[in-house]
Protein backbone atom coordinates (compact mmCIF):
# COMPACT_ATOMS: atom_id res chain seq x y z
CA MET A 1 49.73 78.54 127.82
CA THR A 2 46.60 76.54 126.94
CA SER A 3 44.77 79.68 125.81
CA LEU A 4 47.77 80.69 123.71
CA PHE A 5 47.90 77.25 122.13
CA LEU A 6 44.19 77.28 121.21
CA ARG A 7 44.43 80.85 119.90
CA ASP A 8 47.42 80.10 117.69
CA LEU A 9 45.83 76.87 116.52
CA LYS A 10 42.78 78.79 115.29
CA LEU A 11 44.95 81.42 113.63
CA ALA A 12 47.09 78.80 111.90
CA MET A 13 44.00 77.01 110.59
CA ARG A 14 42.47 80.21 109.25
CA ALA A 15 45.53 81.93 107.77
CA GLY A 16 45.97 81.03 104.12
CA GLY A 17 43.90 77.87 104.37
CA GLY A 18 45.98 76.38 107.16
CA ALA A 19 46.32 72.63 107.06
CA LEU A 20 44.43 72.27 103.77
CA ILE A 21 46.99 74.29 101.80
CA GLY A 22 49.88 72.28 103.21
CA VAL A 23 48.22 68.92 102.46
CA LEU A 24 47.27 70.01 98.93
CA PHE A 25 50.83 71.15 98.26
CA PHE A 26 52.11 67.85 99.70
CA MET A 27 49.80 65.90 97.40
CA THR A 28 50.83 68.00 94.39
CA VAL A 29 54.54 67.36 94.92
CA VAL A 30 53.98 63.60 95.27
CA ALA A 31 51.52 63.43 92.36
CA VAL A 32 53.88 65.00 89.80
CA VAL A 33 56.73 62.57 90.51
CA PRO A 34 55.28 59.63 88.50
CA PHE A 35 54.96 61.93 85.49
CA ALA A 36 58.67 62.72 85.75
CA VAL A 37 60.13 59.27 86.44
CA GLY A 38 57.66 57.21 84.39
CA PRO A 39 55.26 54.37 85.26
CA ASP A 40 57.95 52.08 86.74
CA LEU A 41 56.26 50.82 89.94
CA ASN A 42 59.46 49.31 91.34
CA LEU A 43 61.28 52.62 90.93
CA LEU A 44 58.42 54.53 92.54
CA SER A 45 58.38 52.20 95.53
CA ARG A 46 62.15 52.61 95.99
CA ILE A 47 62.12 56.41 95.90
CA GLY A 48 58.77 56.70 97.71
CA PRO A 49 60.10 57.50 101.22
CA ALA A 50 62.45 60.16 99.87
CA ILE A 51 59.70 61.79 97.80
CA LEU A 52 57.31 61.84 100.75
CA TRP A 53 59.96 63.43 102.93
CA ILE A 54 60.84 66.06 100.33
CA GLY A 55 57.17 66.88 99.84
CA ALA A 56 56.57 67.14 103.59
CA LEU A 57 59.64 69.33 104.00
CA LEU A 58 58.56 71.78 101.33
CA ALA A 59 54.98 71.81 102.60
CA SER A 60 56.20 72.50 106.14
CA LEU A 61 57.93 75.65 104.92
CA LEU A 62 54.58 77.12 103.91
CA GLY A 63 53.28 79.58 106.44
CA LEU A 64 56.41 79.75 108.60
CA ASP A 65 56.73 83.45 107.84
CA ARG A 66 53.30 83.99 109.47
CA LEU A 67 54.35 82.40 112.75
CA PHE A 68 54.82 85.79 114.44
CA GLN A 69 53.33 88.04 111.76
CA ALA A 70 49.85 88.31 113.31
CA GLU A 71 51.33 89.43 116.64
CA ARG A 72 53.51 91.93 114.82
CA GLU A 73 50.55 93.45 112.96
CA ASP A 74 48.14 93.79 115.90
CA GLY A 75 50.77 94.88 118.41
CA SER A 76 50.48 91.86 120.69
CA LEU A 77 54.13 91.04 120.04
CA ASP A 78 55.10 93.85 122.40
CA LEU A 79 52.84 92.34 125.06
CA MET A 80 54.51 88.97 124.56
CA LEU A 81 57.88 90.58 125.19
CA MET A 82 56.70 92.29 128.37
CA GLN A 83 54.68 89.48 129.96
CA GLN A 84 55.87 87.55 133.00
CA THR A 85 55.79 84.20 131.20
CA PRO A 86 59.23 83.47 129.72
CA LEU A 87 59.29 84.31 126.03
CA VAL A 88 60.97 80.97 125.26
CA LEU A 89 57.94 79.07 126.58
CA THR A 90 55.60 81.30 124.60
CA VAL A 91 57.54 80.63 121.40
CA LEU A 92 57.60 76.89 122.13
CA MET A 93 53.82 76.85 122.59
CA LYS A 94 53.34 78.78 119.34
CA CYS A 95 55.55 76.25 117.55
CA LEU A 96 53.49 73.39 118.97
CA ALA A 97 50.26 74.99 117.77
CA HIS A 98 51.72 75.67 114.33
CA TRP A 99 52.94 72.07 113.96
CA THR A 100 49.57 70.70 115.10
CA ALA A 101 47.80 72.75 112.43
CA THR A 102 50.26 72.27 109.55
CA GLY A 103 52.69 69.42 110.31
CA LEU A 104 50.41 66.81 111.85
CA PRO A 105 48.02 66.76 108.83
CA LEU A 106 51.02 65.95 106.63
CA VAL A 107 51.83 62.95 108.82
CA ILE A 108 48.21 61.79 108.63
CA ALA A 109 48.14 62.18 104.82
CA ALA A 110 51.44 60.29 104.33
CA PRO A 111 49.93 56.73 104.27
CA LEU A 112 47.50 57.62 101.48
CA LEU A 113 50.24 59.24 99.42
CA GLY A 114 52.47 56.24 100.11
CA LEU A 115 49.93 54.09 98.29
CA PHE A 116 50.24 56.39 95.27
CA MET A 117 53.99 55.63 95.28
CA ASN A 118 53.39 51.85 95.43
CA MET A 119 55.04 51.59 98.86
CA ASN A 120 54.44 48.52 101.03
CA GLU A 121 53.08 48.57 104.57
CA VAL A 122 56.50 48.58 106.24
CA ALA A 123 57.73 51.51 104.15
CA ILE A 124 54.54 53.50 104.77
CA GLY A 125 54.65 52.86 108.52
CA ALA A 126 58.35 53.74 108.79
CA THR A 127 57.94 56.92 106.73
CA MET A 128 54.94 58.01 108.79
CA LEU A 129 56.84 57.38 112.03
CA THR A 130 59.89 59.32 110.87
CA LEU A 131 57.70 62.21 109.72
CA LEU A 132 56.02 62.25 113.13
CA ALA A 133 59.42 62.47 114.82
CA GLY A 134 61.12 64.83 112.35
CA THR A 135 58.58 67.40 111.19
CA PRO A 136 58.47 69.17 114.60
CA ALA A 137 62.16 69.96 114.13
CA ILE A 138 61.34 71.78 110.88
CA THR A 139 58.82 73.97 112.70
CA LEU A 140 61.25 74.64 115.54
CA ILE A 141 63.99 75.62 113.10
CA GLY A 142 61.52 77.74 111.18
CA ALA A 143 60.60 79.65 114.32
CA ALA A 144 64.09 81.14 114.43
CA GLY A 145 63.92 82.11 110.76
CA ALA A 146 60.45 83.61 111.18
CA ALA A 147 61.65 85.67 114.15
CA VAL A 148 64.57 87.03 112.13
CA ALA A 149 62.27 88.09 109.28
CA VAL A 150 59.36 89.28 111.43
CA THR A 151 60.01 92.95 110.69
CA LEU A 152 60.11 92.41 106.92
CA PRO A 153 56.83 92.93 105.02
CA ARG A 154 57.56 90.04 102.63
CA GLY A 155 59.87 87.72 104.48
CA GLY A 156 58.46 84.41 103.25
CA LEU A 157 61.23 83.73 100.75
CA LEU A 158 63.90 84.81 103.22
CA VAL A 159 62.54 82.44 105.87
CA SER A 160 62.69 79.52 103.42
CA ILE A 161 66.26 80.38 102.43
CA LEU A 162 67.33 80.59 106.08
CA VAL A 163 65.53 77.45 107.19
CA LEU A 164 66.09 75.04 104.30
CA PRO A 165 69.86 74.42 104.79
CA LEU A 166 69.34 73.74 108.51
CA THR A 167 66.69 71.12 107.79
CA ILE A 168 69.02 68.96 105.66
CA PRO A 169 70.10 66.76 108.63
CA VAL A 170 66.44 66.14 109.44
CA LEU A 171 65.83 65.07 105.85
CA ILE A 172 68.92 62.84 105.74
CA PHE A 173 68.20 60.89 108.91
CA GLY A 174 64.45 60.75 108.25
CA VAL A 175 64.95 59.16 104.83
CA SER A 176 67.78 56.93 106.12
CA ALA A 177 65.59 55.54 108.89
CA ALA A 178 62.72 54.87 106.47
CA TYR A 179 65.00 53.04 104.02
CA ALA A 180 66.62 51.07 106.85
CA ALA A 181 63.24 49.79 108.00
CA VAL A 182 62.46 48.55 104.50
CA GLU A 183 65.81 46.85 103.89
CA ASP A 184 66.38 45.42 107.38
CA PRO A 185 64.53 46.28 110.62
CA THR A 186 67.74 46.15 112.67
CA PRO A 187 69.44 49.36 111.36
CA PHE A 188 66.24 51.38 111.71
CA LEU A 189 66.84 52.37 115.32
CA PRO A 190 70.17 54.30 115.07
CA PRO A 191 69.08 56.88 112.45
CA PHE A 192 65.64 57.12 114.04
CA LEU A 193 67.15 57.88 117.46
CA ILE A 194 69.42 60.49 115.86
CA LEU A 195 66.32 62.04 114.25
CA ILE A 196 64.62 62.23 117.65
CA ALA A 197 67.79 63.74 119.14
CA ILE A 198 67.80 66.43 116.44
CA THR A 199 64.20 67.30 117.23
CA LEU A 200 64.94 67.50 120.96
CA PHE A 201 68.02 69.62 120.27
CA PHE A 202 66.05 72.15 118.24
CA ALA A 203 63.25 72.06 120.83
CA VAL A 204 65.76 73.90 123.02
CA ILE A 205 67.79 75.88 120.48
CA GLY A 206 64.90 76.90 118.20
CA PRO A 207 62.68 78.73 120.73
CA LEU A 208 65.71 80.25 122.42
CA SER A 209 67.05 81.63 119.13
CA ALA A 210 63.61 82.87 118.15
CA ALA A 211 63.17 84.63 121.50
CA LEU A 212 66.53 86.38 121.13
CA ALA A 213 65.69 87.42 117.56
CA LEU A 214 62.29 88.80 118.60
CA ARG A 215 63.86 90.86 121.38
CA ALA A 216 66.49 92.15 118.97
CA ALA A 217 63.81 93.07 116.42
CA SER A 218 61.87 95.05 119.03
CA ASP A 219 64.84 97.21 119.98
């Protein structure tokens, strides 16, 4: 499992620019917002958590179609299906490596982008914490979509269409928790715990669905 994690981490960093492409896309989404809403600093600080979450969500969708594409092209996907290690654990480890290479840099870049949106320290900390808890769920959901589209030569758009509606609860509770922390620290915990529960739920359902889809695609 450790070797698989390190291998997938290297592949995720190399393919299409890896973490750099995701962070640059994240920065681009956040940077264009002030041009659209105007130079109102109070407005930017109010919508800052939502914009950061939307940017992180869209950036997380990049590269999901390549989650199993390398194994499909070099034939190692068949070996994954035949190995003694349960396929669910293999998929879970691949998701962890993918999130480490693409999702974690977004969390690290969030405080700097929060300053661009004139957010205070509490808002930046809450948004960063919710991104840390919620972005793994996006990768886990995306694993199922990537497994469904693994046999398609250009399945990137299809993966985004399949994954995006399922990530709406993650977006809702992530933004709700960030806003709750800014308005009053007391209501922060309920939506944040629900966000963690969603991530844990998809930590089970996502790899299982992806494993079933990969086996179906190989038949």
